Amino acid sequence: VDATQPDDVVGLLTQDQYDVVINLMGAGLATAEVDPRTLAAVNTDLPAVVLRTLQDNHGDAQFIHAASSTERTAFDPSDESDYSRTKHEGSEALRALAGRSSAPVTLLRMHNTYGPGQPSTRFIAGAISRLASGLPLRLNYPDRVRDFVYLDDMVDSVITVMDSQPHGFSETEIGTGIGSSLQDAALTLARLLGRPAELVESYASSTDDPHPFAVAHVIGGDIGTCTTTLADGLGRTIGET
């Protein structure tokens, strides 16, 4: 199926009956070299195509959509990137459509997921690659704080949402609720890899960080709260990479 072609997506979703559909599609997260048409088709248009098709053909089917922690909020109304802008537009389209039926629709704002198999263009995977090779890791925003979520915790959270069978429209953040600076994460990796801390080079950017802080707002309970510590998760990632 070509996710940029709505007819392909509709054809897939109408050829069989579905209880749950989970949309994990995203363009432009692992690399910035994505053309605008693909960004718009996958991040902005695809979620609405899926939901409309489910509403028209599977009225009770549950739809779970992977939103991004980088999407703008009332507290941070600017876009971090074209990826975050188009993901936000896709979420807005879902919010508008979800009110037209009582079918369960859940937006999961997923924070910085990491684990074995992650593309090297992502921060944790790229840092492991450089430090393991004895190469310096340069941090332009060493004090930037992010909520790093180990892959297994993210998967468990998605399954929990699926099994909970919610009603109507809901939004949930998936994260640990604990922020770690990029510098702290990099130094932890260096220690776990047995590399000198001096390989982590921190530079003060010439401009203030436009997005210094992004940590999940989690209340607790079974949904949305991830418990693997950063050190444990990084150790597992290194061990399986």
Protein backbone atom coordinates (compact mmCIF):
# COMPACT_ATOMS: atom_id res chain seq x y z
CA VAL A 1 0.00 0.00 0.00
CA ASP A 2 1.28 3.46 -0.92
CA ALA A 3 0.36 5.65 2.05
CA THR A 4 0.52 8.77 -0.13
CA GLN A 5 -2.32 7.46 -2.30
CA PRO A 6 -5.74 7.76 -0.60
CA ASP A 7 -7.31 5.17 -2.93
CA ASP A 8 -4.75 2.59 -1.78
CA VAL A 9 -5.54 3.27 1.86
CA VAL A 10 -9.31 3.15 1.30
CA GLY A 11 -8.95 -0.08 -0.64
CA LEU A 12 -6.99 -1.70 2.19
CA LEU A 13 -9.48 -0.64 4.86
CA THR A 14 -12.58 -1.72 2.93
CA GLN A 15 -11.44 -5.17 1.85
CA ASP A 16 -11.92 -6.66 5.32
CA GLN A 17 -13.46 -6.00 8.73
CA TYR A 18 -11.36 -4.41 11.46
CA ASP A 19 -11.74 -4.10 15.22
CA VAL A 20 -8.76 -1.79 15.70
CA VAL A 21 -6.62 0.26 13.33
CA ILE A 22 -3.37 1.79 14.64
CA ASN A 23 -1.71 4.46 12.50
CA LEU A 24 2.04 4.64 13.09
CA MET A 25 2.83 6.24 9.74
CA GLY A 26 5.01 9.32 9.71
CA ALA A 27 7.18 11.08 7.16
CA GLY A 28 10.12 13.34 7.96
CA LEU A 29 10.98 12.16 11.47
CA ALA A 30 14.08 10.16 10.64
CA THR A 31 15.33 12.54 7.96
CA ALA A 32 14.67 16.11 6.93
CA GLU A 33 15.04 15.22 3.25
CA VAL A 34 11.36 14.63 2.57
CA ASP A 35 9.49 16.54 -0.08
CA PRO A 36 6.55 18.72 1.08
CA ARG A 37 3.98 16.68 -0.85
CA THR A 38 4.96 13.50 1.00
CA LEU A 39 4.91 15.28 4.36
CA ALA A 40 1.42 16.58 3.66
CA ALA A 41 0.11 13.28 2.29
CA VAL A 42 1.37 11.08 5.15
CA ASN A 43 1.29 13.37 8.18
CA THR A 44 -1.64 15.66 7.40
CA ASP A 45 -3.98 13.84 5.02
CA LEU A 46 -3.59 10.14 5.83
CA PRO A 47 -5.06 10.17 9.39
CA ALA A 48 -8.28 11.78 8.17
CA VAL A 49 -8.52 9.38 5.22
CA VAL A 50 -8.26 6.45 7.61
CA LEU A 51 -10.82 7.80 10.06
CA ARG A 52 -13.35 8.76 7.38
CA THR A 53 -13.04 5.31 5.85
CA LEU A 54 -13.57 3.64 9.21
CA GLN A 55 -16.56 5.86 9.97
CA ASP A 56 -18.12 5.02 6.61
CA ASN A 57 -17.44 1.28 6.68
CA HIS A 58 -16.66 0.13 10.23
CA GLY A 59 -18.66 2.37 12.53
CA ASP A 60 -17.45 0.74 15.76
CA ALA A 61 -13.81 0.22 14.83
CA GLN A 62 -11.30 1.71 17.25
CA PHE A 63 -8.75 4.10 15.73
CA ILE A 64 -5.47 4.83 17.50
CA HIS A 65 -3.29 7.53 15.97
CA ALA A 66 0.36 8.18 16.79
CA ALA A 67 0.60 11.92 17.32
CA SER A 68 3.91 13.60 18.14
CA SER A 69 5.18 15.28 21.27
CA THR A 70 6.64 17.94 18.97
CA GLU A 71 3.22 19.14 17.85
CA ARG A 72 2.44 22.67 18.97
CA THR A 73 0.54 23.24 22.20
CA ALA A 74 -1.00 26.19 24.01
CA PHE A 75 2.26 26.42 25.98
CA ASP A 76 4.49 26.17 22.90
CA PRO A 77 2.54 27.45 19.88
CA SER A 78 5.45 27.38 17.44
CA ASP A 79 6.35 24.50 15.14
CA GLU A 80 9.61 22.69 15.81
CA SER A 81 9.89 21.51 12.20
CA ASP A 82 7.91 20.77 9.05
CA TYR A 83 7.37 17.33 10.54
CA SER A 84 5.78 18.73 13.69
CA ARG A 85 3.70 21.23 11.69
CA THR A 86 2.24 18.59 9.38
CA LYS A 87 1.66 16.15 12.25
CA HIS A 88 -0.24 18.89 14.08
CA GLU A 89 -2.38 19.52 11.02
CA GLY A 90 -3.18 15.80 10.87
CA SER A 91 -4.22 15.76 14.53
CA GLU A 92 -6.40 18.82 14.04
CA ALA A 93 -8.19 17.10 11.18
CA LEU A 94 -8.85 14.07 13.40
CA ARG A 95 -10.21 16.24 16.19
CA ALA A 96 -12.69 17.77 13.77
CA LEU A 97 -13.77 14.40 12.33
CA ALA A 98 -13.96 12.54 15.64
CA GLY A 99 -16.97 14.54 16.76
CA ARG A 100 -19.08 13.14 13.95
CA SER A 101 -19.43 9.67 15.51
CA SER A 102 -19.15 7.89 18.83
CA ALA A 103 -16.51 5.47 17.56
CA PRO A 104 -13.41 5.35 19.81
CA VAL A 105 -10.61 7.56 18.54
CA THR A 106 -7.42 8.04 20.59
CA LEU A 107 -4.57 10.42 19.85
CA LEU A 108 -1.35 9.29 21.50
CA ARG A 109 1.22 12.06 21.89
CA MET A 110 4.32 9.90 21.81
CA HIS A 111 7.47 11.32 23.38
CA ASN A 112 11.03 10.55 22.29
CA THR A 113 11.00 6.82 21.70
CA TYR A 114 14.30 4.96 21.45
CA GLY A 115 15.48 1.38 21.33
CA PRO A 116 17.20 -1.25 19.18
CA GLY A 117 16.79 -0.76 15.44
CA GLN A 118 16.22 2.97 15.57
CA PRO A 119 17.52 4.93 12.53
CA SER A 120 20.93 6.47 13.16
CA THR A 121 19.53 9.90 12.30
CA ARG A 122 17.69 9.93 15.65
CA PHE A 123 19.51 11.32 18.67
CA ILE A 124 20.02 8.22 20.82
CA ALA A 125 20.91 5.92 17.94
CA GLY A 126 23.25 8.48 16.41
CA ALA A 127 24.93 9.12 19.74
CA ILE A 128 25.49 5.39 20.28
CA SER A 129 26.99 5.06 16.81
CA ARG A 130 29.45 7.91 17.25
CA LEU A 131 30.49 7.20 20.80
CA ALA A 132 30.88 3.46 20.21
CA SER A 133 33.20 4.30 17.32
CA GLY A 134 35.24 6.64 19.51
CA LEU A 135 34.05 9.71 17.62
CA PRO A 136 33.15 12.99 19.35
CA LEU A 137 29.49 13.84 19.79
CA ARG A 138 28.75 17.54 19.38
CA LEU A 139 25.69 18.94 21.16
CA ASN A 140 24.45 22.30 19.96
CA TYR A 141 21.68 22.35 22.58
CA PRO A 142 23.15 20.37 25.51
CA ASP A 143 20.55 21.68 27.98
CA ARG A 144 17.56 20.73 25.82
CA VAL A 145 15.29 18.52 27.94
CA ARG A 146 13.34 15.63 26.47
CA ASP A 147 11.30 12.71 27.79
CA PHE A 148 13.03 9.57 26.49
CA VAL A 149 10.77 6.51 26.32
CA TYR A 150 12.08 2.98 25.88
CA LEU A 151 10.45 1.15 22.98
CA ASP A 152 8.96 -1.70 25.03
CA ASP A 153 7.18 0.79 27.29
CA MET A 154 5.73 2.56 24.26
CA VAL A 155 4.46 -0.71 22.81
CA ASP A 156 2.91 -1.71 26.14
CA SER A 157 1.16 1.65 26.33
CA VAL A 158 -0.34 1.28 22.86
CA ILE A 159 -1.57 -2.22 23.70
CA THR A 160 -3.08 -0.94 26.95
CA VAL A 161 -4.99 1.76 25.08
CA MET A 162 -6.22 -0.83 22.60
CA ASP A 163 -7.35 -3.23 25.32
CA SER A 164 -9.05 -0.50 27.35
CA GLN A 165 -11.61 0.02 24.56
CA PRO A 166 -12.26 3.72 25.29
CA HIS A 167 -15.42 5.49 24.14
CA GLY A 168 -15.49 8.58 21.95
CA PHE A 169 -12.51 10.84 21.45
CA SER A 170 -9.56 11.00 23.83
CA GLU A 171 -5.95 12.17 23.92
CA THR A 172 -3.16 10.64 25.98
CA GLU A 173 0.52 11.47 26.38
CA ILE A 174 2.94 8.56 26.43
CA GLY A 175 6.10 9.23 28.42
CA THR A 176 7.91 8.80 31.70
CA GLY A 177 7.09 12.26 33.00
CA ILE A 178 10.81 12.70 33.73
CA GLY A 179 12.97 14.98 31.64
CA SER A 180 16.63 14.42 30.81
CA SER A 181 18.95 16.88 29.11
CA LEU A 182 20.68 15.83 25.92
CA GLN A 183 23.99 16.24 27.71
CA ASP A 184 22.99 13.94 30.56
CA ALA A 185 21.74 11.31 28.09
CA ALA A 186 24.96 11.53 26.09
CA LEU A 187 27.16 11.27 29.19
CA THR A 188 25.19 8.25 30.37
CA LEU A 189 25.77 6.61 26.99
CA ALA A 190 29.49 7.36 27.14
CA ARG A 191 29.72 5.77 30.58
CA LEU A 192 27.77 2.66 29.51
CA LEU A 193 29.93 2.30 26.41
CA GLY A 194 33.15 2.77 28.37
CA ARG A 195 34.07 5.89 26.46
CA PRO A 196 35.61 9.05 27.97
CA ALA A 197 33.20 11.82 28.88
CA GLU A 198 35.38 14.22 26.88
CA LEU A 199 33.91 12.77 23.68
CA VAL A 200 30.68 14.59 24.54
CA GLU A 201 31.30 18.11 23.28
CA SER A 202 28.76 20.73 24.33
CA TYR A 203 28.53 24.02 22.51
CA ALA A 204 26.43 27.01 23.43
CA SER A 205 24.34 27.84 20.40
CA SER A 206 24.47 31.36 19.03
CA THR A 207 20.70 31.56 19.51
CA ASP A 208 18.44 30.53 22.36
CA ASP A 209 16.92 27.07 22.05
CA PRO A 210 13.43 27.62 20.58
CA HIS A 211 12.17 24.34 22.06
CA PRO A 212 14.07 23.76 25.31
CA PHE A 213 11.64 21.55 27.20
CA ALA A 214 9.23 18.72 26.26
CA VAL A 215 8.19 16.26 28.95
CA ALA A 216 5.01 14.19 29.10
CA HIS A 217 2.23 15.26 31.43
CA VAL A 218 1.33 11.88 32.93
CA ILE A 219 -0.94 11.44 35.92
CA GLY A 220 -0.19 7.78 36.60
CA GLY A 221 -2.03 4.54 36.14
CA ASP A 222 -1.76 1.95 33.40
CA ILE A 223 -2.01 4.24 30.36
CA GLY A 224 0.65 6.70 29.39
CA THR A 225 3.10 6.12 32.21
CA CYS A 226 6.39 4.46 31.25
CA THR A 227 8.62 3.14 34.00
CA THR A 228 11.92 2.09 32.39
CA THR A 229 14.63 4.47 33.57
CA LEU A 230 16.82 6.15 30.99
CA ALA A 231 19.96 4.36 32.20
CA ASP A 232 18.26 0.95 32.06
CA GLY A 233 16.75 1.62 28.66
CA LEU A 234 20.02 2.83 27.22
CA GLY A 235 21.78 -0.22 28.62
CA ARG A 236 19.25 -2.53 26.97
CA THR A 237 19.53 -0.63 23.70
CA ILE A 238 23.31 -0.91 23.67
CA GLY A 239 23.12 -4.59 24.56
CA GLU A 240 20.81 -5.37 21.63
CA THR A 241 22.44 -3.06 19.07
